[in-house]
């Protein structure tokens, strides 16, 4: 019985670590002259089937608009939210993004993201356990 439990734990751990992550491509990065020290980033993100991003933060105002597929998102202290095509989602600079996953094992999800952040700051910072 212990061996079965250990194997199930290892399989579950491996699959969580091996899950694909989203892939982003910056479409536009623009310094904003009337907002000193700030830049706008427009990014296209692809979430392959089964995507499960680790907990992270953006240190930015983030506006996400789902174009295709579904995304399940959850901020620390909040409830999971399922986003469908046409849905828009906001994250504040202090939010911690606990869940960001594509629930489908067959259909990719695509989103358009707009960020307002400090010039040169990383767009995403992974959080350590």
N, C-alpha and C. Protein backbone atom coordinates (compact mmCIF):
# COMPACT_ATOMS: atom_id res chain seq x y z
N UNK A 1 0.82 -1.20 0.00
CA UNK A 1 0.00 0.00 0.00
C UNK A 1 0.86 1.26 0.00
N UNK A 2 1.93 1.26 0.82
CA UNK A 2 2.81 2.43 0.86
C UNK A 2 3.47 2.67 -0.49
N UNK A 3 3.85 1.59 -1.15
CA UNK A 3 4.49 1.72 -2.46
C UNK A 3 3.53 2.34 -3.47
N UNK A 4 2.28 1.91 -3.45
CA UNK A 4 1.28 2.47 -4.36
C UNK A 4 1.09 3.95 -4.08
N UNK A 5 0.99 4.33 -2.83
CA UNK A 5 0.82 5.74 -2.46
C UNK A 5 2.02 6.56 -2.92
N UNK A 6 3.23 6.02 -2.73
CA UNK A 6 4.44 6.73 -3.15
C UNK A 6 4.46 6.91 -4.66
N UNK A 7 4.11 5.85 -5.40
CA UNK A 7 4.08 5.95 -6.86
C UNK A 7 3.06 6.97 -7.33
N UNK A 8 1.88 6.97 -6.73
CA UNK A 8 0.86 7.96 -7.10
C UNK A 8 1.35 9.38 -6.81
N UNK A 9 2.02 9.58 -5.68
CA UNK A 9 2.55 10.89 -5.34
C UNK A 9 3.59 11.33 -6.37
N UNK A 10 4.52 10.42 -6.73
CA UNK A 10 5.57 10.76 -7.68
C UNK A 10 5.01 11.05 -9.06
N UNK A 11 4.03 10.29 -9.50
CA UNK A 11 3.41 10.53 -10.80
C UNK A 11 2.71 11.88 -10.79
N UNK A 12 1.98 12.19 -9.73
CA UNK A 12 1.29 13.48 -9.62
C UNK A 12 2.26 14.64 -9.59
N UNK A 13 3.39 14.48 -8.87
CA UNK A 13 4.40 15.54 -8.81
C UNK A 13 5.04 15.74 -10.16
N UNK A 14 5.39 14.67 -10.83
CA UNK A 14 6.04 14.78 -12.14
C UNK A 14 5.12 15.44 -13.14
N UNK A 15 3.85 15.08 -13.15
CA UNK A 15 2.94 15.66 -14.14
C UNK A 15 2.72 17.14 -13.90
N UNK A 16 2.69 17.58 -12.65
CA UNK A 16 2.52 19.00 -12.35
C UNK A 16 3.75 19.79 -12.81
N UNK A 17 4.96 19.20 -12.61
CA UNK A 17 6.17 19.90 -13.00
C UNK A 17 6.36 19.89 -14.51
N UNK A 18 5.86 18.84 -15.18
CA UNK A 18 6.04 18.70 -16.61
C UNK A 18 4.94 19.37 -17.43
N UNK A 19 3.93 19.93 -16.78
CA UNK A 19 2.83 20.57 -17.50
C UNK A 19 3.40 21.72 -18.32
N UNK A 20 2.89 21.91 -19.54
CA UNK A 20 3.39 23.03 -20.35
C UNK A 20 3.04 24.37 -19.71
N UNK A 21 3.83 25.37 -20.04
CA UNK A 21 3.58 26.73 -19.56
C UNK A 21 3.17 27.59 -20.73
N UNK A 22 2.57 28.71 -20.42
CA UNK A 22 2.17 29.63 -21.49
C UNK A 22 3.40 30.23 -22.15
N UNK A 23 3.22 30.64 -23.38
CA UNK A 23 4.29 31.26 -24.15
C UNK A 23 3.80 32.63 -24.60
N UNK A 24 4.57 33.67 -24.29
CA UNK A 24 4.17 35.02 -24.65
C UNK A 24 5.09 35.64 -25.68
N UNK A 25 4.51 36.49 -26.50
CA UNK A 25 5.29 37.24 -27.49
C UNK A 25 4.89 38.70 -27.37
N UNK A 26 5.87 39.56 -27.05
CA UNK A 26 5.59 40.99 -26.97
C UNK A 26 5.30 41.53 -28.37
N UNK A 27 4.16 42.17 -28.51
CA UNK A 27 3.79 42.79 -29.78
C UNK A 27 4.20 44.25 -29.83
N UNK A 28 4.23 44.89 -28.65
CA UNK A 28 4.59 46.31 -28.56
C UNK A 28 5.07 46.60 -27.15
N UNK A 29 6.18 47.30 -27.03
CA UNK A 29 6.66 47.83 -25.76
C UNK A 29 6.90 49.31 -26.01
N UNK A 30 6.22 50.16 -25.24
CA UNK A 30 6.25 51.60 -25.51
C UNK A 30 6.41 52.39 -24.21
N UNK A 31 7.49 53.18 -24.11
CA UNK A 31 7.63 54.07 -22.97
C UNK A 31 6.59 55.17 -23.08
N UNK A 32 6.05 55.55 -21.94
CA UNK A 32 4.97 56.53 -21.92
C UNK A 32 5.50 57.84 -21.36
N UNK A 33 5.69 58.81 -22.23
CA UNK A 33 6.29 60.08 -21.85
C UNK A 33 5.53 60.84 -20.78
N UNK A 34 4.21 60.72 -20.78
CA UNK A 34 3.43 61.47 -19.79
C UNK A 34 3.25 60.70 -18.49
N UNK A 35 3.76 59.47 -18.41
CA UNK A 35 3.78 58.69 -17.17
C UNK A 35 5.23 58.30 -16.91
N UNK A 36 5.96 59.19 -16.25
CA UNK A 36 7.40 59.02 -16.06
C UNK A 36 7.74 57.66 -15.46
N UNK A 37 8.69 56.99 -16.09
CA UNK A 37 9.18 55.72 -15.58
C UNK A 37 8.30 54.53 -15.90
N UNK A 38 7.24 54.72 -16.68
CA UNK A 38 6.31 53.64 -16.98
C UNK A 38 6.37 53.26 -18.46
N UNK A 39 6.07 51.99 -18.73
CA UNK A 39 5.95 51.52 -20.11
C UNK A 39 4.72 50.64 -20.23
N UNK A 40 4.19 50.63 -21.44
CA UNK A 40 3.05 49.77 -21.77
C UNK A 40 3.59 48.58 -22.56
N UNK A 41 3.05 47.41 -22.28
CA UNK A 41 3.42 46.20 -23.01
C UNK A 41 2.13 45.56 -23.51
N UNK A 42 2.10 45.26 -24.80
CA UNK A 42 1.01 44.50 -25.39
C UNK A 42 1.61 43.16 -25.78
N UNK A 43 1.01 42.09 -25.29
CA UNK A 43 1.57 40.75 -25.47
C UNK A 43 0.49 39.77 -25.91
N UNK A 44 0.86 38.88 -26.80
CA UNK A 44 -0.01 37.77 -27.20
C UNK A 44 0.47 36.53 -26.45
N UNK A 45 -0.42 35.87 -25.73
CA UNK A 45 -0.05 34.65 -25.00
C UNK A 45 -0.79 33.46 -25.56
N UNK A 46 -0.06 32.35 -25.68
CA UNK A 46 -0.61 31.07 -26.07
C UNK A 46 -0.51 30.13 -24.87
N UNK A 47 -1.60 29.49 -24.53
CA UNK A 47 -1.67 28.52 -23.44
C UNK A 47 -1.96 27.16 -24.05
N UNK A 48 -0.93 26.33 -24.27
CA UNK A 48 -1.17 25.02 -24.86
C UNK A 48 -2.13 24.19 -24.00
N UNK A 49 -2.74 23.16 -24.58
CA UNK A 49 -3.60 22.30 -23.77
C UNK A 49 -2.85 21.80 -22.54
N UNK A 50 -3.52 21.86 -21.39
CA UNK A 50 -2.93 21.38 -20.14
C UNK A 50 -1.97 22.35 -19.48
N UNK A 51 -1.86 23.58 -19.99
CA UNK A 51 -0.96 24.57 -19.40
C UNK A 51 -1.29 24.78 -17.94
N UNK A 52 -0.25 24.84 -17.11
CA UNK A 52 -0.42 25.16 -15.70
C UNK A 52 0.79 25.98 -15.26
N UNK A 53 0.64 27.29 -15.24
CA UNK A 53 1.75 28.16 -14.85
C UNK A 53 1.92 28.13 -13.34
N UNK A 54 3.16 28.19 -12.85
CA UNK A 54 3.38 28.23 -11.41
C UNK A 54 2.96 29.58 -10.83
N UNK A 55 2.81 29.66 -9.50
CA UNK A 55 2.45 30.94 -8.87
C UNK A 55 3.46 32.03 -9.25
N UNK A 56 2.93 33.23 -9.51
CA UNK A 56 3.77 34.33 -9.94
C UNK A 56 3.09 35.66 -9.65
N UNK A 57 3.82 36.72 -9.89
CA UNK A 57 3.27 38.08 -9.80
C UNK A 57 3.80 38.87 -10.98
N UNK A 58 3.17 39.98 -11.25
CA UNK A 58 3.57 40.77 -12.39
C UNK A 58 4.14 42.15 -12.02
N UNK A 59 3.89 42.63 -10.81
CA UNK A 59 4.33 43.97 -10.43
C UNK A 59 3.92 44.98 -11.49
N UNK A 60 2.70 44.81 -12.00
CA UNK A 60 2.17 45.66 -13.06
C UNK A 60 0.65 45.65 -12.99
N UNK A 61 0.05 46.61 -13.64
CA UNK A 61 -1.39 46.54 -13.88
C UNK A 61 -1.53 45.66 -15.12
N UNK A 62 -2.30 44.58 -15.01
CA UNK A 62 -2.42 43.61 -16.10
C UNK A 62 -3.89 43.48 -16.49
N UNK A 63 -4.14 43.61 -17.78
CA UNK A 63 -5.47 43.42 -18.34
C UNK A 63 -5.36 42.28 -19.35
N UNK A 64 -6.08 41.20 -19.12
CA UNK A 64 -6.03 40.02 -20.00
C UNK A 64 -7.38 39.85 -20.67
N UNK A 65 -7.37 39.63 -21.97
CA UNK A 65 -8.60 39.42 -22.74
C UNK A 65 -8.48 38.08 -23.46
N UNK A 66 -9.39 37.16 -23.18
CA UNK A 66 -9.35 35.83 -23.79
C UNK A 66 -9.91 35.90 -25.20
N UNK A 67 -9.10 35.40 -26.14
CA UNK A 67 -9.51 35.38 -27.55
C UNK A 67 -10.09 34.02 -27.94
N UNK A 68 -9.45 32.95 -27.46
CA UNK A 68 -9.88 31.58 -27.80
C UNK A 68 -9.66 30.67 -26.60
N UNK A 69 -10.46 29.62 -26.51
CA UNK A 69 -10.28 28.63 -25.45
C UNK A 69 -10.78 29.13 -24.11
N UNK A 70 -10.32 28.47 -23.06
CA UNK A 70 -10.69 28.83 -21.69
C UNK A 70 -9.45 28.93 -20.83
N UNK A 71 -9.53 29.78 -19.81
CA UNK A 71 -8.48 29.88 -18.80
C UNK A 71 -9.13 29.87 -17.43
N UNK A 72 -8.51 29.17 -16.50
CA UNK A 72 -8.91 29.22 -15.11
C UNK A 72 -7.83 30.03 -14.39
N UNK A 73 -8.24 31.09 -13.72
CA UNK A 73 -7.31 31.97 -13.02
C UNK A 73 -7.77 32.13 -11.58
N UNK A 74 -6.80 32.34 -10.70
CA UNK A 74 -7.13 32.57 -9.30
C UNK A 74 -6.03 33.41 -8.67
N UNK A 75 -6.44 34.48 -7.99
CA UNK A 75 -5.52 35.31 -7.24
C UNK A 75 -5.49 34.83 -5.80
N UNK A 76 -4.38 35.04 -5.12
CA UNK A 76 -4.25 34.64 -3.72
C UNK A 76 -5.38 35.28 -2.91
N UNK A 77 -6.08 34.45 -2.15
CA UNK A 77 -7.19 34.92 -1.33
C UNK A 77 -8.52 34.98 -2.07
N UNK A 78 -8.51 34.71 -3.38
CA UNK A 78 -9.74 34.76 -4.17
C UNK A 78 -10.21 33.38 -4.60
N UNK A 79 -11.31 33.35 -5.29
CA UNK A 79 -11.88 32.12 -5.81
C UNK A 79 -11.42 31.92 -7.26
N UNK A 80 -11.33 30.66 -7.71
CA UNK A 80 -11.00 30.43 -9.12
C UNK A 80 -12.10 31.01 -10.02
N UNK A 81 -11.67 31.55 -11.15
CA UNK A 81 -12.59 32.12 -12.13
C UNK A 81 -12.28 31.48 -13.48
N UNK A 82 -13.32 31.04 -14.18
CA UNK A 82 -13.15 30.48 -15.52
C UNK A 82 -13.46 31.56 -16.52
N UNK A 83 -12.48 31.85 -17.38
CA UNK A 83 -12.62 32.87 -18.40
C UNK A 83 -12.87 32.21 -19.75
N UNK A 84 -13.81 32.75 -20.49
CA UNK A 84 -14.17 32.25 -21.82
C UNK A 84 -13.86 33.31 -22.87
N UNK A 85 -13.89 32.95 -24.16
CA UNK A 85 -13.63 33.95 -25.20
C UNK A 85 -14.50 35.20 -25.00
N UNK A 86 -13.85 36.35 -25.06
CA UNK A 86 -14.55 37.62 -24.86
C UNK A 86 -14.47 38.14 -23.44
N UNK A 87 -14.05 37.30 -22.48
CA UNK A 87 -13.93 37.73 -21.09
C UNK A 87 -12.63 38.49 -20.87
N UNK A 88 -12.66 39.48 -19.98
CA UNK A 88 -11.49 40.29 -19.64
C UNK A 88 -11.26 40.20 -18.14
N UNK A 89 -9.99 40.20 -17.75
CA UNK A 89 -9.59 39.97 -16.36
C UNK A 89 -8.52 40.99 -15.98
N UNK A 90 -8.53 41.45 -14.72
CA UNK A 90 -7.56 42.44 -14.25
C UNK A 90 -6.78 41.90 -13.06
N UNK A 91 -5.48 42.22 -13.03
CA UNK A 91 -4.62 41.94 -11.87
C UNK A 91 -3.92 43.23 -11.48
N UNK A 92 -3.92 43.53 -10.19
CA UNK A 92 -3.24 44.71 -9.66
C UNK A 92 -1.76 44.38 -9.42
N UNK A 93 -0.92 45.41 -9.29
CA UNK A 93 0.51 45.18 -9.09
C UNK A 93 0.85 44.33 -7.86
N UNK A 94 0.03 44.36 -6.82
CA UNK A 94 0.32 43.60 -5.61
C UNK A 94 -0.30 42.20 -5.61
N UNK A 95 -1.08 41.86 -6.63
CA UNK A 95 -1.73 40.55 -6.67
C UNK A 95 -0.73 39.43 -6.89
N UNK A 96 -1.01 38.30 -6.28
CA UNK A 96 -0.24 37.08 -6.52
C UNK A 96 -1.15 36.13 -7.29
N UNK A 97 -0.68 35.73 -8.46
CA UNK A 97 -1.45 34.89 -9.37
C UNK A 97 -1.15 33.43 -9.02
N UNK A 98 -2.06 32.79 -8.30
CA UNK A 98 -1.84 31.42 -7.82
C UNK A 98 -2.14 30.36 -8.88
N UNK A 99 -3.18 30.59 -9.68
CA UNK A 99 -3.58 29.62 -10.70
C UNK A 99 -3.71 30.33 -12.04
N UNK A 100 -3.12 29.73 -13.04
CA UNK A 100 -3.24 30.20 -14.41
C UNK A 100 -3.12 28.96 -15.29
N UNK A 101 -4.27 28.40 -15.65
CA UNK A 101 -4.19 27.14 -16.40
C UNK A 101 -5.27 27.04 -17.46
N UNK A 102 -4.93 26.27 -18.47
CA UNK A 102 -5.86 25.92 -19.53
C UNK A 102 -6.47 24.59 -19.13
N UNK A 103 -7.77 24.53 -18.84
CA UNK A 103 -8.37 23.29 -18.36
C UNK A 103 -8.55 22.21 -19.43
N UNK A 104 -8.37 22.58 -20.69
CA UNK A 104 -8.58 21.62 -21.77
C UNK A 104 -7.32 20.79 -22.01
N UNK A 105 -7.52 19.52 -22.32
CA UNK A 105 -6.38 18.68 -22.70
C UNK A 105 -6.25 18.58 -24.22
N UNK A 106 -7.11 19.34 -24.95
CA UNK A 106 -7.09 19.27 -26.41
C UNK A 106 -7.03 20.64 -27.10
N UNK A 107 -7.62 21.66 -26.48
CA UNK A 107 -7.79 22.96 -27.15
C UNK A 107 -6.85 24.01 -26.53
N UNK A 108 -6.02 24.66 -27.35
CA UNK A 108 -5.19 25.74 -26.81
C UNK A 108 -6.06 26.96 -26.48
N UNK A 109 -5.54 27.80 -25.62
CA UNK A 109 -6.19 29.08 -25.32
C UNK A 109 -5.26 30.20 -25.77
N UNK A 110 -5.84 31.29 -26.20
CA UNK A 110 -5.06 32.47 -26.61
C UNK A 110 -5.63 33.69 -25.91
N UNK A 111 -4.72 34.58 -25.51
CA UNK A 111 -5.14 35.80 -24.84
C UNK A 111 -4.28 36.97 -25.30
N UNK A 112 -4.88 38.14 -25.28
CA UNK A 112 -4.17 39.38 -25.52
C UNK A 112 -4.02 40.06 -24.16
N UNK A 113 -2.81 40.47 -23.85
CA UNK A 113 -2.51 41.04 -22.53
C UNK A 113 -1.95 42.45 -22.71
N UNK A 114 -2.43 43.36 -21.87
CA UNK A 114 -1.90 44.72 -21.81
C UNK A 114 -1.37 44.94 -20.40
N UNK A 115 -0.12 45.39 -20.28
CA UNK A 115 0.48 45.66 -18.97
C UNK A 115 0.97 47.10 -18.91
N UNK A 116 0.85 47.67 -17.74
CA UNK A 116 1.45 48.96 -17.45
C UNK A 116 2.40 48.71 -16.29
N UNK A 117 3.72 48.90 -16.55
CA UNK A 117 4.72 48.55 -15.54
C UNK A 117 5.89 49.52 -15.57
N UNK A 118 6.77 49.39 -14.56
CA UNK A 118 7.98 50.21 -14.53
C UNK A 118 8.89 49.81 -15.68
N UNK A 119 9.54 50.79 -16.28
CA UNK A 119 10.47 50.53 -17.38
C UNK A 119 11.56 49.57 -16.91
N UNK A 120 11.76 48.52 -17.68
CA UNK A 120 12.82 47.57 -17.40
C UNK A 120 12.49 46.51 -16.36
N UNK A 121 11.39 46.66 -15.65
CA UNK A 121 11.01 45.65 -14.65
C UNK A 121 10.58 44.37 -15.37
N UNK A 122 10.86 43.20 -14.79
CA UNK A 122 10.42 41.97 -15.44
C UNK A 122 8.89 41.92 -15.54
N UNK A 123 8.41 41.36 -16.63
CA UNK A 123 6.96 41.26 -16.82
C UNK A 123 6.35 40.24 -15.86
N UNK A 124 7.11 39.19 -15.53
CA UNK A 124 6.62 38.14 -14.65
C UNK A 124 7.74 37.71 -13.72
N UNK A 125 7.40 37.51 -12.43
CA UNK A 125 8.34 37.01 -11.44
C UNK A 125 7.74 35.77 -10.81
N UNK A 126 8.42 34.63 -10.98
CA UNK A 126 7.95 33.39 -10.36
C UNK A 126 8.18 33.47 -8.87
N UNK A 127 7.24 32.89 -8.10
CA UNK A 127 7.36 32.90 -6.65
C UNK A 127 7.92 31.57 -6.16
N UNK A 128 8.77 31.65 -5.17
CA UNK A 128 9.34 30.44 -4.58
C UNK A 128 8.37 29.92 -3.52
N UNK A 129 8.37 28.61 -3.35
CA UNK A 129 7.47 28.00 -2.34
C UNK A 129 7.78 28.44 -0.95
